[in-house]
């Protein structure tokens, strides 16, 4: 989507991996991930994450309540704008219907062979203007055969993270099956907590200075 450099923009978020801008294009607003401001030493991982997101969005093109990829040129990733608030800004407290719809959304995503892989962050769940759930930020998404053991495992982890949010905001509506899913952790989760998460926390909090408190993610 070619847009002139003087197009009106509004910064939604900025971190070490670039800026997220709301751009007013000729056909309406869209969201741009701009890697131009990324420090040199982080440009390769920032590019890799953006390319990963572009691939995932291309794979789920046409699906409702997820961003639609508009363009990816190696420096700018443009996606459709979805009006709404992050879960932590507009918590769906007691909203059983919202969580049911969120589970259906996850099932659609998984049937298409995509696991989001970053749903512990409330910032990646939107409550749209009309109250529907939506998903954003597919930088860590994994694409594969939905019937494979690996993808089923990742899909279950996506579901566990959704149920953790449900436990926070709609605890009384957890079913016995959902409570069992929450209690049953996978080896992927255990390995992450034992090895990956300490490194992640050190890098994001000490080096990148992100505020990432298991939900709200890096803040603007």
C-alpha atoms as a PDB file:
ATOM      1  CA  UNK A   1       0.000   0.000   0.000  1.00  0.00           C
ATOM      2  CA  UNK A   2       2.007   3.016  -1.191  1.00  0.00           C
ATOM      3  CA  UNK A   3       1.490   5.943   1.178  1.00  0.00           C
ATOM      4  CA  UNK A   4       3.209   9.331   0.993  1.00  0.00           C
ATOM      5  CA  UNK A   5       5.682  10.230   3.722  1.00  0.00           C
ATOM      6  CA  UNK A   6       3.494  13.146   4.787  1.00  0.00           C
ATOM      7  CA  UNK A   7       0.463  10.944   5.497  1.00  0.00           C
ATOM      8  CA  UNK A   8      -0.973  11.659   8.968  1.00  0.00           C
ATOM      9  CA  UNK A   9       0.346   9.205  11.558  1.00  0.00           C
ATOM     10  CA  UNK A  10      -0.164   8.558  15.249  1.00  0.00           C
ATOM     11  CA  UNK A  11       2.224   6.457  17.330  1.00  0.00           C
ATOM     12  CA  UNK A  12       0.455   3.584  19.100  1.00  0.00           C
ATOM     13  CA  UNK A  13       3.536   1.928  20.568  1.00  0.00           C
ATOM     14  CA  UNK A  14       7.304   2.120  20.362  1.00  0.00           C
ATOM     15  CA  UNK A  15       9.897  -0.370  21.551  1.00  0.00           C
ATOM     16  CA  UNK A  16      13.331  -1.674  20.586  1.00  0.00           C
ATOM     17  CA  UNK A  17      11.904  -3.611  17.629  1.00  0.00           C
ATOM     18  CA  UNK A  18      10.362  -0.582  15.933  1.00  0.00           C
ATOM     19  CA  UNK A  19       7.321   1.651  16.090  1.00  0.00           C
ATOM     20  CA  UNK A  20       3.652   0.822  15.667  1.00  0.00           C
ATOM     21  CA  UNK A  21       1.887   3.653  13.858  1.00  0.00           C
ATOM     22  CA  UNK A  22      -1.723   4.372  13.013  1.00  0.00           C
ATOM     23  CA  UNK A  23      -1.556   5.759   9.473  1.00  0.00           C
ATOM     24  CA  UNK A  24      -4.333   7.586   7.674  1.00  0.00           C
ATOM     25  CA  UNK A  25      -4.219   6.180   4.154  1.00  0.00           C
ATOM     26  CA  UNK A  26      -6.296   7.101   1.101  1.00  0.00           C
ATOM     27  CA  UNK A  27      -8.737   4.266   1.840  1.00  0.00           C
ATOM     28  CA  UNK A  28      -8.875   4.750   5.605  1.00  0.00           C
ATOM     29  CA  UNK A  29      -6.655   4.078   8.614  1.00  0.00           C
ATOM     30  CA  UNK A  30      -4.270   1.148   8.838  1.00  0.00           C
ATOM     31  CA  UNK A  31      -1.528   0.013  11.221  1.00  0.00           C
ATOM     32  CA  UNK A  32       2.136   0.092  10.237  1.00  0.00           C
ATOM     33  CA  UNK A  33       5.025  -1.653  11.947  1.00  0.00           C
ATOM     34  CA  UNK A  34       7.991   0.576  11.064  1.00  0.00           C
ATOM     35  CA  UNK A  35      11.435  -0.977  11.482  1.00  0.00           C
ATOM     36  CA  UNK A  36      13.238   2.191  10.400  1.00  0.00           C
ATOM     37  CA  UNK A  37      13.901   3.348  13.962  1.00  0.00           C
ATOM     38  CA  UNK A  38      15.224  -0.026  15.134  1.00  0.00           C
ATOM     39  CA  UNK A  39      18.807   0.063  16.486  1.00  0.00           C
ATOM     40  CA  UNK A  40      21.350  -1.531  14.162  1.00  0.00           C
ATOM     41  CA  UNK A  41      22.091  -4.412  16.510  1.00  0.00           C
ATOM     42  CA  UNK A  42      18.400  -5.366  16.629  1.00  0.00           C
ATOM     43  CA  UNK A  43      17.493  -4.951  12.964  1.00  0.00           C
ATOM     44  CA  UNK A  44      17.968  -8.594  12.043  1.00  0.00           C
ATOM     45  CA  UNK A  45      15.718 -10.031  14.817  1.00  0.00           C
ATOM     46  CA  UNK A  46      13.184  -7.221  14.224  1.00  0.00           C
ATOM     47  CA  UNK A  47      13.098  -8.041  10.514  1.00  0.00           C
ATOM     48  CA  UNK A  48      12.802 -11.771  11.268  1.00  0.00           C
ATOM     49  CA  UNK A  49       9.853 -11.205  13.606  1.00  0.00           C
ATOM     50  CA  UNK A  50       8.092  -8.896  11.153  1.00  0.00           C
ATOM     51  CA  UNK A  51       8.596 -11.362   8.306  1.00  0.00           C
ATOM     52  CA  UNK A  52       7.200 -14.109  10.524  1.00  0.00           C
ATOM     53  CA  UNK A  53       4.122 -12.004  11.240  1.00  0.00           C
ATOM     54  CA  UNK A  54       3.635 -11.222   7.550  1.00  0.00           C
ATOM     55  CA  UNK A  55       3.801 -14.926   6.707  1.00  0.00           C
ATOM     56  CA  UNK A  56       1.219 -15.811   9.362  1.00  0.00           C
ATOM     57  CA  UNK A  57      -1.164 -13.020   8.295  1.00  0.00           C
ATOM     58  CA  UNK A  58      -0.834 -14.080   4.676  1.00  0.00           C
ATOM     59  CA  UNK A  59      -1.709 -17.636   5.715  1.00  0.00           C
ATOM     60  CA  UNK A  60      -4.930 -16.591   7.491  1.00  0.00           C
ATOM     61  CA  UNK A  61      -5.985 -13.950   4.976  1.00  0.00           C
ATOM     62  CA  UNK A  62      -9.762 -13.502   4.910  1.00  0.00           C
ATOM     63  CA  UNK A  63     -10.325 -14.777   8.443  1.00  0.00           C
ATOM     64  CA  UNK A  64     -12.498 -12.544  10.622  1.00  0.00           C
ATOM     65  CA  UNK A  65     -11.257 -10.771  13.776  1.00  0.00           C
ATOM     66  CA  UNK A  66      -7.580 -10.924  12.885  1.00  0.00           C
ATOM     67  CA  UNK A  67      -5.546  -8.300  11.016  1.00  0.00           C
ATOM     68  CA  UNK A  68      -5.398  -8.471   7.233  1.00  0.00           C
ATOM     69  CA  UNK A  69      -1.959  -8.097   5.690  1.00  0.00           C
ATOM     70  CA  UNK A  70      -1.801  -5.093   3.361  1.00  0.00           C
ATOM     71  CA  UNK A  71       1.903  -4.925   2.545  1.00  0.00           C
ATOM     72  CA  UNK A  72       5.361  -6.071   3.662  1.00  0.00           C
ATOM     73  CA  UNK A  73       8.422  -4.565   1.980  1.00  0.00           C
ATOM     74  CA  UNK A  74      11.144  -5.572   4.432  1.00  0.00           C
ATOM     75  CA  UNK A  75      10.961  -2.319   6.379  1.00  0.00           C
ATOM     76  CA  UNK A  76       7.240  -1.623   6.812  1.00  0.00           C
ATOM     77  CA  UNK A  77       4.551  -4.148   7.659  1.00  0.00           C
ATOM     78  CA  UNK A  78       1.092  -2.722   6.986  1.00  0.00           C
ATOM     79  CA  UNK A  79      -2.040  -4.403   8.310  1.00  0.00           C
ATOM     80  CA  UNK A  80      -5.679  -3.521   8.612  1.00  0.00           C
ATOM     81  CA  UNK A  81      -6.831  -1.471  11.586  1.00  0.00           C
ATOM     82  CA  UNK A  82      -9.267  -3.012  14.055  1.00  0.00           C
ATOM     83  CA  UNK A  83     -10.994  -0.559  16.372  1.00  0.00           C
ATOM     84  CA  UNK A  84     -11.053  -1.735  19.969  1.00  0.00           C
ATOM     85  CA  UNK A  85      -9.162  -1.895  23.250  1.00  0.00           C
ATOM     86  CA  UNK A  86      -6.625  -4.319  24.651  1.00  0.00           C
ATOM     87  CA  UNK A  87      -8.040  -6.771  27.155  1.00  0.00           C
ATOM     88  CA  UNK A  88      -6.325  -5.069  30.081  1.00  0.00           C
ATOM     89  CA  UNK A  89      -7.856  -1.727  29.055  1.00  0.00           C
ATOM     90  CA  UNK A  90     -11.390  -3.087  28.792  1.00  0.00           C
ATOM     91  CA  UNK A  91     -11.495  -6.350  30.751  1.00  0.00           C
ATOM     92  CA  UNK A  92     -14.351  -8.734  29.836  1.00  0.00           C
ATOM     93  CA  UNK A  93     -15.276  -9.295  33.482  1.00  0.00           C
ATOM     94  CA  UNK A  94     -18.119 -11.763  33.838  1.00  0.00           C
ATOM     95  CA  UNK A  95     -18.614 -11.835  30.064  1.00  0.00           C
ATOM     96  CA  UNK A  96     -19.140 -15.527  29.355  1.00  0.00           C
ATOM     97  CA  UNK A  97     -20.190 -14.836  25.764  1.00  0.00           C
ATOM     98  CA  UNK A  98     -16.895 -13.056  25.069  1.00  0.00           C
ATOM     99  CA  UNK A  99     -14.850 -16.013  26.240  1.00  0.00           C
ATOM    100  CA  UNK A 100     -16.986 -18.442  24.246  1.00  0.00           C
ATOM    101  CA  UNK A 101     -16.429 -16.337  21.135  1.00  0.00           C
ATOM    102  CA  UNK A 102     -12.697 -16.132  21.912  1.00  0.00           C
ATOM    103  CA  UNK A 103     -12.501 -19.913  22.072  1.00  0.00           C
ATOM    104  CA  UNK A 104     -14.291 -20.204  18.710  1.00  0.00           C
ATOM    105  CA  UNK A 105     -11.833 -17.692  17.258  1.00  0.00           C
ATOM    106  CA  UNK A 106      -8.918 -19.789  18.478  1.00  0.00           C
ATOM    107  CA  UNK A 107     -10.463 -22.922  16.992  1.00  0.00           C
ATOM    108  CA  UNK A 108     -10.752 -21.210  13.599  1.00  0.00           C
ATOM    109  CA  UNK A 109      -7.132 -20.111  13.811  1.00  0.00           C
ATOM    110  CA  UNK A 110      -5.937 -23.595  14.698  1.00  0.00           C
ATOM    111  CA  UNK A 111      -7.978 -25.245  11.945  1.00  0.00           C
ATOM    112  CA  UNK A 112      -6.079 -23.065   9.483  1.00  0.00           C
ATOM    113  CA  UNK A 113      -2.821 -24.473  10.800  1.00  0.00           C
ATOM    114  CA  UNK A 114      -1.673 -21.468  12.839  1.00  0.00           C
ATOM    115  CA  UNK A 115      -0.835 -21.274  16.534  1.00  0.00           C
ATOM    116  CA  UNK A 116      -0.521 -17.732  17.883  1.00  0.00           C
ATOM    117  CA  UNK A 117       2.062 -18.658  20.516  1.00  0.00           C
ATOM    118  CA  UNK A 118       1.924 -15.361  22.468  1.00  0.00           C
ATOM    119  CA  UNK A 119      -1.480 -15.215  24.111  1.00  0.00           C
ATOM    120  CA  UNK A 120      -0.350 -14.839  27.712  1.00  0.00           C
ATOM    121  CA  UNK A 121      -0.117 -11.119  26.917  1.00  0.00           C
ATOM    122  CA  UNK A 122      -3.425  -9.357  27.372  1.00  0.00           C
ATOM    123  CA  UNK A 123      -2.207  -6.742  24.889  1.00  0.00           C
ATOM    124  CA  UNK A 124      -2.585  -9.339  22.127  1.00  0.00           C
ATOM    125  CA  UNK A 125      -6.304  -9.818  22.844  1.00  0.00           C
ATOM    126  CA  UNK A 126      -8.639  -7.061  21.699  1.00  0.00           C
ATOM    127  CA  UNK A 127     -12.163  -6.265  22.784  1.00  0.00           C
ATOM    128  CA  UNK A 128     -13.579  -4.686  19.632  1.00  0.00           C
ATOM    129  CA  UNK A 129     -15.910  -1.694  19.622  1.00  0.00           C
ATOM    130  CA  UNK A 130     -18.926  -3.994  19.361  1.00  0.00           C
ATOM    131  CA  UNK A 131     -17.623  -6.315  22.078  1.00  0.00           C
ATOM    132  CA  UNK A 132     -16.115  -9.166  20.031  1.00  0.00           C
ATOM    133  CA  UNK A 133     -12.722 -10.769  20.713  1.00  0.00           C
ATOM    134  CA  UNK A 134      -9.941 -10.242  18.203  1.00  0.00           C
ATOM    135  CA  UNK A 135      -6.267 -11.222  17.977  1.00  0.00           C
ATOM    136  CA  UNK A 136      -3.248  -9.137  17.028  1.00  0.00           C
ATOM    137  CA  UNK A 137       0.572  -9.412  16.995  1.00  0.00           C
ATOM    138  CA  UNK A 138       1.464 -12.609  15.170  1.00  0.00           C
ATOM    139  CA  UNK A 139       5.252 -12.175  15.404  1.00  0.00           C
ATOM    140  CA  UNK A 140       5.702 -15.498  17.219  1.00  0.00           C
ATOM    141  CA  UNK A 141       3.026 -17.431  15.334  1.00  0.00           C
ATOM    142  CA  UNK A 142       3.797 -20.955  14.131  1.00  0.00           C
ATOM    143  CA  UNK A 143       2.388 -22.436  10.925  1.00  0.00           C
ATOM    144  CA  UNK A 144       2.040 -26.178  10.410  1.00  0.00           C
ATOM    145  CA  UNK A 145      -0.211 -29.159   9.901  1.00  0.00           C
ATOM    146  CA  UNK A 146      -3.091 -28.721  12.343  1.00  0.00           C
ATOM    147  CA  UNK A 147      -3.243 -32.518  12.789  1.00  0.00           C
ATOM    148  CA  UNK A 148       0.407 -32.875  13.786  1.00  0.00           C
ATOM    149  CA  UNK A 149       1.316 -33.578  17.387  1.00  0.00           C
ATOM    150  CA  UNK A 150       3.428 -30.415  17.598  1.00  0.00           C
ATOM    151  CA  UNK A 151       0.658 -28.117  16.376  1.00  0.00           C
ATOM    152  CA  UNK A 152      -1.914 -29.772  18.634  1.00  0.00           C
ATOM    153  CA  UNK A 153       0.430 -29.133  21.554  1.00  0.00           C
ATOM    154  CA  UNK A 154       0.847 -25.458  20.630  1.00  0.00           C
ATOM    155  CA  UNK A 155      -2.907 -25.115  20.124  1.00  0.00           C
ATOM    156  CA  UNK A 156      -3.478 -26.457  23.618  1.00  0.00           C
ATOM    157  CA  UNK A 157      -1.022 -23.896  24.994  1.00  0.00           C
ATOM    158  CA  UNK A 158      -2.963 -21.137  23.209  1.00  0.00           C
ATOM    159  CA  UNK A 159      -6.116 -22.447  24.850  1.00  0.00           C
ATOM    160  CA  UNK A 160      -4.457 -22.625  28.284  1.00  0.00           C
ATOM    161  CA  UNK A 161      -3.516 -18.951  28.036  1.00  0.00           C
ATOM    162  CA  UNK A 162      -7.078 -18.023  27.103  1.00  0.00           C
ATOM    163  CA  UNK A 163      -8.368 -20.022  30.071  1.00  0.00           C
ATOM    164  CA  UNK A 164      -5.919 -18.241  32.374  1.00  0.00           C
ATOM    165  CA  UNK A 165      -7.515 -14.966  31.317  1.00  0.00           C
ATOM    166  CA  UNK A 166     -10.943 -16.494  31.857  1.00  0.00           C
ATOM    167  CA  UNK A 167      -9.861 -17.559  35.339  1.00  0.00           C
ATOM    168  CA  UNK A 168      -8.865 -13.952  35.992  1.00  0.00           C
ATOM    169  CA  UNK A 169     -12.024 -12.273  34.680  1.00  0.00           C
ATOM    170  CA  UNK A 170     -14.713 -14.951  34.652  1.00  0.00           C
ATOM    171  CA  UNK A 171     -13.588 -17.562  37.179  1.00  0.00           C
ATOM    172  CA  UNK A 172     -17.073 -18.708  38.178  1.00  0.00           C
ATOM    173  CA  UNK A 173     -17.775 -19.791  34.585  1.00  0.00           C
ATOM    174  CA  UNK A 174     -14.833 -22.178  34.256  1.00  0.00           C
ATOM    175  CA  UNK A 175     -16.078 -25.664  33.431  1.00  0.00           C
ATOM    176  CA  UNK A 176     -14.634 -28.819  35.030  1.00  0.00           C
ATOM    177  CA  UNK A 177     -12.917 -29.652  31.722  1.00  0.00           C
ATOM    178  CA  UNK A 178     -11.368 -26.175  31.519  1.00  0.00           C
ATOM    179  CA  UNK A 179     -10.094 -26.482  35.078  1.00  0.00           C
ATOM    180  CA  UNK A 180      -8.386 -29.760  34.151  1.00  0.00           C
ATOM    181  CA  UNK A 181      -6.793 -28.139  31.087  1.00  0.00           C
ATOM    182  CA  UNK A 182      -5.407 -25.389  33.316  1.00  0.00           C
ATOM    183  CA  UNK A 183      -3.893 -27.893  35.710  1.00  0.00           C
ATOM    184  CA  UNK A 184      -2.294 -30.029  32.988  1.00  0.00           C
ATOM    185  CA  UNK A 185       0.877 -28.290  31.881  1.00  0.00           C
ATOM    186  CA  UNK A 186       2.906 -29.456  28.894  1.00  0.00           C
ATOM    187  CA  UNK A 187       6.631 -30.122  28.608  1.00  0.00           C
ATOM    188  CA  UNK A 188       6.858 -27.074  26.333  1.00  0.00           C
ATOM    189  CA  UNK A 189       5.584 -24.842  29.126  1.00  0.00           C
ATOM    190  CA  UNK A 190       7.840 -26.488  31.718  1.00  0.00           C
ATOM    191  CA  UNK A 191      10.895 -26.175  29.454  1.00  0.00           C
ATOM    192  CA  UNK A 192      10.108 -22.514  28.763  1.00  0.00           C
ATOM    193  CA  UNK A 193       9.814 -21.685  32.461  1.00  0.00           C
ATOM    194  CA  UNK A 194      13.016 -23.556  33.260  1.00  0.00           C
ATOM    195  CA  UNK A 195      15.191 -22.166  30.462  1.00  0.00           C
ATOM    196  CA  UNK A 196      13.651 -19.628  28.072  1.00  0.00           C
ATOM    197  CA  UNK A 197      11.697 -17.383  30.439  1.00  0.00           C
ATOM    198  CA  UNK A 198      14.638 -16.363  32.663  1.00  0.00           C
ATOM    199  CA  UNK A 199      16.585 -15.348  29.552  1.00  0.00           C
ATOM    200  CA  UNK A 200      13.527 -13.580  28.117  1.00  0.00           C
ATOM    201  CA  UNK A 201      13.025 -11.618  31.329  1.00  0.00           C
ATOM    202  CA  UNK A 202      16.678 -10.596  31.491  1.00  0.00           C
ATOM    203  CA  UNK A 203      16.742  -9.409  27.867  1.00  0.00           C
ATOM    204  CA  UNK A 204      13.377  -7.618  27.893  1.00  0.00           C
ATOM    205  CA  UNK A 205      13.626  -6.031  31.334  1.00  0.00           C
ATOM    206  CA  UNK A 206      17.335  -5.370  31.810  1.00  0.00           C
ATOM    207  CA  UNK A 207      18.460  -4.733  28.227  1.00  0.00           C
ATOM    208  CA  UNK A 208      15.365  -3.550  26.353  1.00  0.00           C
ATOM    209  CA  UNK A 209      13.669  -2.005  29.431  1.00  0.00           C
ATOM    210  CA  UNK A 210      10.242  -3.372  28.576  1.00  0.00           C
ATOM    211  CA  UNK A 211       7.453  -3.500  31.117  1.00  0.00           C
ATOM    212  CA  UNK A 212       6.220  -7.012  30.482  1.00  0.00           C
ATOM    213  CA  UNK A 213       4.154  -8.206  33.416  1.00  0.00           C
ATOM    214  CA  UNK A 214       2.602 -11.294  31.843  1.00  0.00           C
ATOM    215  CA  UNK A 215      -0.226  -9.639  30.072  1.00  0.00           C
ATOM    216  CA  UNK A 216       0.073  -6.030  29.252  1.00  0.00           C
ATOM    217  CA  UNK A 217       3.315  -6.438  27.345  1.00  0.00           C
ATOM    218  CA  UNK A 218       5.655  -3.686  26.255  1.00  0.00           C
ATOM    219  CA  UNK A 219       3.758  -0.448  26.774  1.00  0.00           C
ATOM    220  CA  UNK A 220       3.836   2.670  24.574  1.00  0.00           C
END
